[in-house]
Amino acid sequence: MPSNFDNEYAEKILNGYNVLDFTTNISGPSATAILSDLGANVIKIEKLPGGDDSRSMEPSIGDKSAYFIAINRGKKSLAVNIKTREGRKILNKIIINSDIIVENFRTDTVNSLGLGYENIKKINDKIIYASIRSYGNTGPLMNNPGYDAIIQAETGIMSVNGARAGKPARVAVSVLDVGSAMWLAMGILGAVIYRERTGKGMEVTTSLYETGLYWMNYYIESYQITKKYPKGLEVSICPLHLMVPFWLEMDILS
């Protein structure tokens, strides 16, 4: 990055763009925090009662959670019961005036709520619709719940972390949540450019599982070429009964 990079300009790249944020916990809110940092007007829809689950995550300052503050800075919050008729009327008015929607519901949940891309674009056909899930939008695992630590194990990240001869260890930072958020933010910025050129909206998706596999790409290719386990992997799967990374069972390069 050039030393004279204009941070003032960077913060206003998305000035004038309205983002409707349905995300909760860590991954989705991290993505919309990036959009907010870039100047977007982010309206966070929170559930009733209680709001975002991360509001109750420790540690807290009074009634304010450090987790919530860190990844929901600069956003506006609106508590709406989206399962009621009145709540949907309010929501539809916001959707019409939104440029970007971001959600991290499970696939079956978003469909049951009628908030999938196909339904939303009937209301606003220029919408940029972005989603982040544990296992993606297709395949046998798409409706499964999941979180950072589980997918660190499933993709093999835990198996190559920690002391060389010790047990597997979770990366303490939520690398899959935050990493997936970064991928999603990049995809959204690409979609913004596309819409500026064509006037058309689009769907952008990513998942924690995809991010985990990408972080492990060197180990995956190394194993496929040599058929040898990465250092640490052979002593770390069985002790914690972790799921064997799928790439140990597949010949990806064939």
Protein backbone atom coordinates (compact mmCIF):
# COMPACT_ATOMS: atom_id res chain seq x y z
CA MET A 1 0.00 0.00 0.00
CA PRO A 2 1.47 3.42 -0.91
CA SER A 3 2.60 5.46 2.05
CA ASN A 4 0.37 8.33 0.96
CA PHE A 5 -2.77 6.19 0.81
CA ASP A 6 -5.74 8.42 1.54
CA ASN A 7 -7.62 6.84 4.45
CA GLU A 8 -10.21 9.60 4.34
CA TYR A 9 -11.12 8.53 0.80
CA ALA A 10 -11.10 4.81 1.67
CA GLU A 11 -13.72 5.34 4.36
CA LYS A 12 -16.09 6.90 1.84
CA ILE A 13 -15.88 4.37 -0.99
CA LEU A 14 -19.39 3.09 -0.18
CA ASN A 15 -20.82 6.45 0.84
CA GLY A 16 -24.48 6.56 -0.23
CA TYR A 17 -24.92 2.79 -0.29
CA ASN A 18 -27.59 1.36 2.01
CA VAL A 19 -26.94 -2.06 3.54
CA LEU A 20 -29.64 -4.17 5.20
CA ASP A 21 -27.91 -6.47 7.67
CA PHE A 22 -29.65 -9.66 8.85
CA THR A 23 -26.49 -11.19 10.28
CA THR A 24 -25.78 -12.42 13.81
CA ASN A 25 -22.89 -13.58 15.98
CA ILE A 26 -19.41 -13.15 14.40
CA SER A 27 -18.98 -13.94 10.69
CA GLY A 28 -21.80 -11.93 9.09
CA PRO A 29 -21.48 -8.88 11.36
CA SER A 30 -17.73 -8.81 10.63
CA ALA A 31 -18.52 -8.51 6.92
CA THR A 32 -21.01 -5.69 7.41
CA ALA A 33 -18.58 -3.95 9.78
CA ILE A 34 -16.13 -3.78 6.86
CA LEU A 35 -18.85 -2.23 4.68
CA SER A 36 -19.62 0.27 7.43
CA ASP A 37 -15.93 1.16 7.70
CA LEU A 38 -15.98 1.83 3.95
CA GLY A 39 -18.77 4.36 4.39
CA ALA A 40 -21.96 2.35 3.84
CA ASN A 41 -25.08 3.10 5.85
CA VAL A 42 -25.73 -0.23 7.61
CA ILE A 43 -29.10 -0.97 9.20
CA LYS A 44 -28.86 -4.04 11.41
CA ILE A 45 -32.11 -5.95 11.85
CA GLU A 46 -32.21 -7.61 15.27
CA LYS A 47 -34.62 -10.22 16.54
CA LEU A 48 -37.25 -9.77 19.20
CA PRO A 49 -36.79 -10.40 22.04
CA GLY A 50 -33.14 -10.01 22.99
CA GLY A 51 -31.51 -8.81 19.81
CA ASP A 52 -28.30 -10.26 18.38
CA ASP A 53 -26.92 -13.19 20.41
CA SER A 54 -23.52 -11.49 20.54
CA ARG A 55 -25.02 -8.81 22.81
CA SER A 56 -24.77 -11.35 25.64
CA MET A 57 -21.25 -12.56 24.91
CA GLU A 58 -18.66 -11.94 27.62
CA PRO A 59 -16.73 -9.88 28.54
CA SER A 60 -19.05 -6.93 28.94
CA ILE A 61 -18.82 -3.30 29.98
CA GLY A 62 -22.03 -2.81 31.91
CA ASP A 63 -24.69 -4.12 29.54
CA LYS A 64 -22.46 -3.75 26.48
CA SER A 65 -20.63 -6.80 25.11
CA ALA A 66 -17.08 -6.29 23.84
CA TYR A 67 -17.80 -8.73 21.00
CA PHE A 68 -20.91 -6.84 19.94
CA ILE A 69 -19.21 -3.45 20.02
CA ALA A 70 -16.18 -4.66 18.07
CA ILE A 71 -18.09 -5.95 15.05
CA ASN A 72 -21.22 -3.77 15.06
CA ARG A 73 -19.54 -0.38 15.26
CA GLY A 74 -20.98 2.34 13.08
CA LYS A 75 -24.27 0.51 12.41
CA LYS A 76 -27.86 1.44 13.14
CA SER A 77 -30.05 -1.20 14.79
CA LEU A 78 -33.74 -1.87 14.24
CA ALA A 79 -35.59 -4.54 16.22
CA VAL A 80 -38.32 -6.08 14.05
CA ASN A 81 -40.31 -9.29 14.31
CA ILE A 82 -39.95 -10.34 10.68
CA LYS A 83 -42.43 -13.21 11.18
CA THR A 84 -45.38 -10.84 11.57
CA ARG A 85 -47.32 -9.07 8.80
CA GLU A 86 -46.53 -5.65 10.23
CA GLY A 87 -42.87 -6.53 10.56
CA ARG A 88 -42.72 -7.62 6.92
CA LYS A 89 -44.34 -4.38 5.76
CA ILE A 90 -41.63 -2.42 7.55
CA LEU A 91 -38.98 -4.72 6.15
CA ASN A 92 -40.20 -4.48 2.55
CA LYS A 93 -40.01 -0.68 2.67
CA ILE A 94 -36.38 -0.92 3.74
CA ILE A 95 -35.58 -3.56 1.10
CA ILE A 96 -36.89 -1.30 -1.68
CA ASN A 97 -34.41 1.39 -0.64
CA SER A 98 -31.47 -0.93 -0.01
CA ASP A 99 -28.49 -1.54 -2.28
CA ILE A 100 -27.03 -4.53 -0.45
CA ILE A 101 -28.52 -7.25 1.77
CA VAL A 102 -26.29 -9.46 3.89
CA GLU A 103 -27.55 -12.53 5.79
CA ASN A 104 -26.09 -15.59 7.50
CA PHE A 105 -29.20 -17.65 8.18
CA ARG A 106 -29.12 -21.39 7.61
CA THR A 107 -30.41 -22.25 4.12
CA ASP A 108 -33.61 -23.86 5.39
CA THR A 109 -34.25 -20.90 7.70
CA VAL A 110 -33.86 -18.22 5.05
CA ASN A 111 -36.22 -20.13 2.75
CA SER A 112 -38.85 -20.59 5.47
CA LEU A 113 -38.73 -16.84 6.16
CA GLY A 114 -39.16 -16.01 2.48
CA LEU A 115 -35.96 -13.96 2.54
CA GLY A 116 -33.98 -15.85 -0.10
CA TYR A 117 -32.49 -14.09 -3.13
CA GLU A 118 -35.27 -15.09 -5.52
CA ASN A 119 -37.91 -13.55 -3.24
CA ILE A 120 -35.92 -10.42 -2.45
CA LYS A 121 -35.16 -9.57 -6.07
CA LYS A 122 -38.91 -9.54 -6.79
CA ILE A 123 -39.05 -6.54 -4.45
CA ASN A 124 -35.78 -4.95 -5.59
CA ASP A 125 -34.31 -6.38 -8.80
CA LYS A 126 -31.09 -4.39 -8.48
CA ILE A 127 -30.23 -5.72 -5.05
CA ILE A 128 -26.81 -7.15 -4.27
CA TYR A 129 -27.66 -10.13 -2.09
CA ALA A 130 -24.82 -11.60 -0.04
CA SER A 131 -24.87 -14.65 2.22
CA ILE A 132 -22.37 -16.39 4.44
CA ARG A 133 -23.01 -19.89 5.79
CA SER A 134 -21.17 -22.68 7.53
CA TYR A 135 -21.25 -25.11 4.60
CA GLY A 136 -22.56 -23.14 1.62
CA ASN A 137 -25.83 -23.10 -0.28
CA THR A 138 -25.66 -26.55 -1.88
CA GLY A 139 -24.71 -30.09 -0.96
CA PRO A 140 -25.66 -32.50 1.82
CA LEU A 141 -24.34 -30.25 4.62
CA MET A 142 -25.98 -27.01 3.53
CA ASN A 143 -28.61 -26.98 6.29
CA ASN A 144 -26.24 -28.07 9.04
CA PRO A 145 -25.38 -25.63 11.82
CA GLY A 146 -21.69 -25.05 12.33
CA TYR A 147 -19.22 -22.68 13.87
CA ASP A 148 -15.57 -21.74 13.69
CA ALA A 149 -14.06 -24.40 15.96
CA ILE A 150 -15.97 -27.29 14.37
CA ILE A 151 -14.94 -26.31 10.86
CA GLN A 152 -11.34 -25.72 11.92
CA ALA A 153 -11.39 -29.42 12.87
CA GLU A 154 -13.23 -30.61 9.77
CA THR A 155 -10.95 -28.82 7.32
CA GLY A 156 -7.77 -29.87 9.12
CA ILE A 157 -6.67 -26.51 10.49
CA MET A 158 -6.58 -27.80 14.06
CA SER A 159 -4.48 -30.76 12.97
CA VAL A 160 -1.56 -28.56 11.87
CA ASN A 161 -1.81 -26.07 14.73
CA GLY A 162 -0.24 -26.28 18.18
CA ALA A 163 2.95 -27.92 19.39
CA ARG A 164 4.62 -30.18 16.82
CA ALA A 165 4.26 -33.34 18.93
CA GLY A 166 1.22 -32.24 20.91
CA LYS A 167 -2.50 -32.55 20.52
CA PRO A 168 -4.36 -30.50 17.90
CA ALA A 169 -5.27 -26.99 18.95
CA ARG A 170 -7.89 -24.55 17.82
CA VAL A 171 -6.56 -21.29 16.42
CA ALA A 172 -7.59 -18.90 19.20
CA VAL A 173 -8.71 -16.18 16.79
CA SER A 174 -11.93 -16.97 14.88
CA VAL A 175 -10.03 -17.20 11.61
CA LEU A 176 -12.87 -18.81 9.66
CA ASP A 177 -15.52 -16.35 10.81
CA VAL A 178 -13.39 -13.29 10.10
CA GLY A 179 -11.73 -14.75 7.01
CA SER A 180 -15.10 -15.59 5.46
CA ALA A 181 -16.27 -12.07 6.28
CA MET A 182 -13.35 -10.66 4.30
CA TRP A 183 -14.11 -12.88 1.30
CA LEU A 184 -17.74 -11.81 1.41
CA ALA A 185 -16.84 -8.13 1.61
CA MET A 186 -14.58 -8.52 -1.43
CA GLY A 187 -17.34 -10.29 -3.31
CA ILE A 188 -19.77 -7.50 -2.46
CA LEU A 189 -17.33 -4.85 -3.71
CA GLY A 190 -17.02 -6.82 -6.96
CA ALA A 191 -20.81 -6.92 -7.24
CA VAL A 192 -20.96 -3.15 -6.67
CA ILE A 193 -18.60 -2.64 -9.61
CA TYR A 194 -20.67 -5.03 -11.72
CA ARG A 195 -23.88 -3.16 -10.91
CA GLU A 196 -22.27 0.17 -11.71
CA ARG A 197 -21.33 -1.19 -15.14
CA THR A 198 -24.53 -3.08 -15.97
CA GLY A 199 -27.28 -1.79 -13.68
CA LYS A 200 -27.91 -5.38 -12.56
CA GLY A 201 -27.84 -6.86 -9.08
CA MET A 202 -26.45 -10.27 -8.25
CA GLU A 203 -26.03 -12.91 -5.55
CA VAL A 204 -22.73 -13.32 -3.68
CA THR A 205 -22.04 -16.30 -1.43
CA THR A 206 -19.26 -17.80 0.67
CA SER A 207 -18.90 -20.21 3.60
CA LEU A 208 -16.66 -21.00 6.55
CA TYR A 209 -15.94 -24.41 5.02
CA GLU A 210 -14.67 -22.91 1.76
CA THR A 211 -12.47 -20.53 3.73
CA GLY A 212 -11.03 -23.39 5.78
CA LEU A 213 -10.16 -25.35 2.65
CA TYR A 214 -8.54 -22.28 1.12
CA TRP A 215 -6.39 -21.69 4.21
CA MET A 216 -5.30 -25.35 3.92
CA ASN A 217 -4.61 -25.31 0.16
CA TYR A 218 -0.86 -25.91 0.52
CA TYR A 219 -1.41 -28.92 2.76
CA ILE A 220 -4.09 -30.31 0.45
CA GLU A 221 -1.89 -30.14 -2.65
CA SER A 222 1.13 -31.41 -0.73
CA TYR A 223 -0.80 -34.48 0.41
CA GLN A 224 -2.23 -35.15 -3.04
CA ILE A 225 1.25 -35.01 -4.58
CA THR A 226 3.23 -36.92 -1.92
CA LYS A 227 0.50 -39.03 -0.25
CA LYS A 228 2.22 -38.11 3.01
CA TYR A 229 0.44 -36.49 5.93
CA PRO A 230 1.49 -32.94 6.78
CA LYS A 231 3.66 -32.85 9.90
CA GLY A 232 1.49 -33.18 12.97
CA LEU A 233 -1.56 -34.52 11.16
CA GLU A 234 -0.80 -38.19 11.69
CA VAL A 235 -0.64 -37.77 15.49
CA SER A 236 -3.53 -35.40 15.88
CA ILE A 237 -6.67 -36.81 14.30
CA CYS A 238 -7.39 -39.78 16.58
CA PRO A 239 -6.79 -38.24 20.05
CA LEU A 240 -9.74 -35.87 19.74
CA HIS A 241 -11.77 -38.06 17.37
CA LEU A 242 -11.86 -35.25 14.84
CA MET A 243 -13.44 -35.72 11.45
CA VAL A 244 -10.74 -36.69 8.97
CA PRO A 245 -10.37 -33.81 6.48
CA PHE A 246 -12.16 -34.85 3.30
CA TRP A 247 -9.05 -34.23 1.21
CA LEU A 248 -7.34 -37.23 2.85
CA GLU A 249 -10.03 -39.45 1.29
CA MET A 250 -10.18 -37.89 -2.18
CA ASP A 251 -7.77 -37.64 -5.09
CA ILE A 252 -8.39 -33.99 -5.87
CA LEU A 253 -5.69 -33.77 -8.52
CA SER A 254 -6.80 -36.81 -10.55
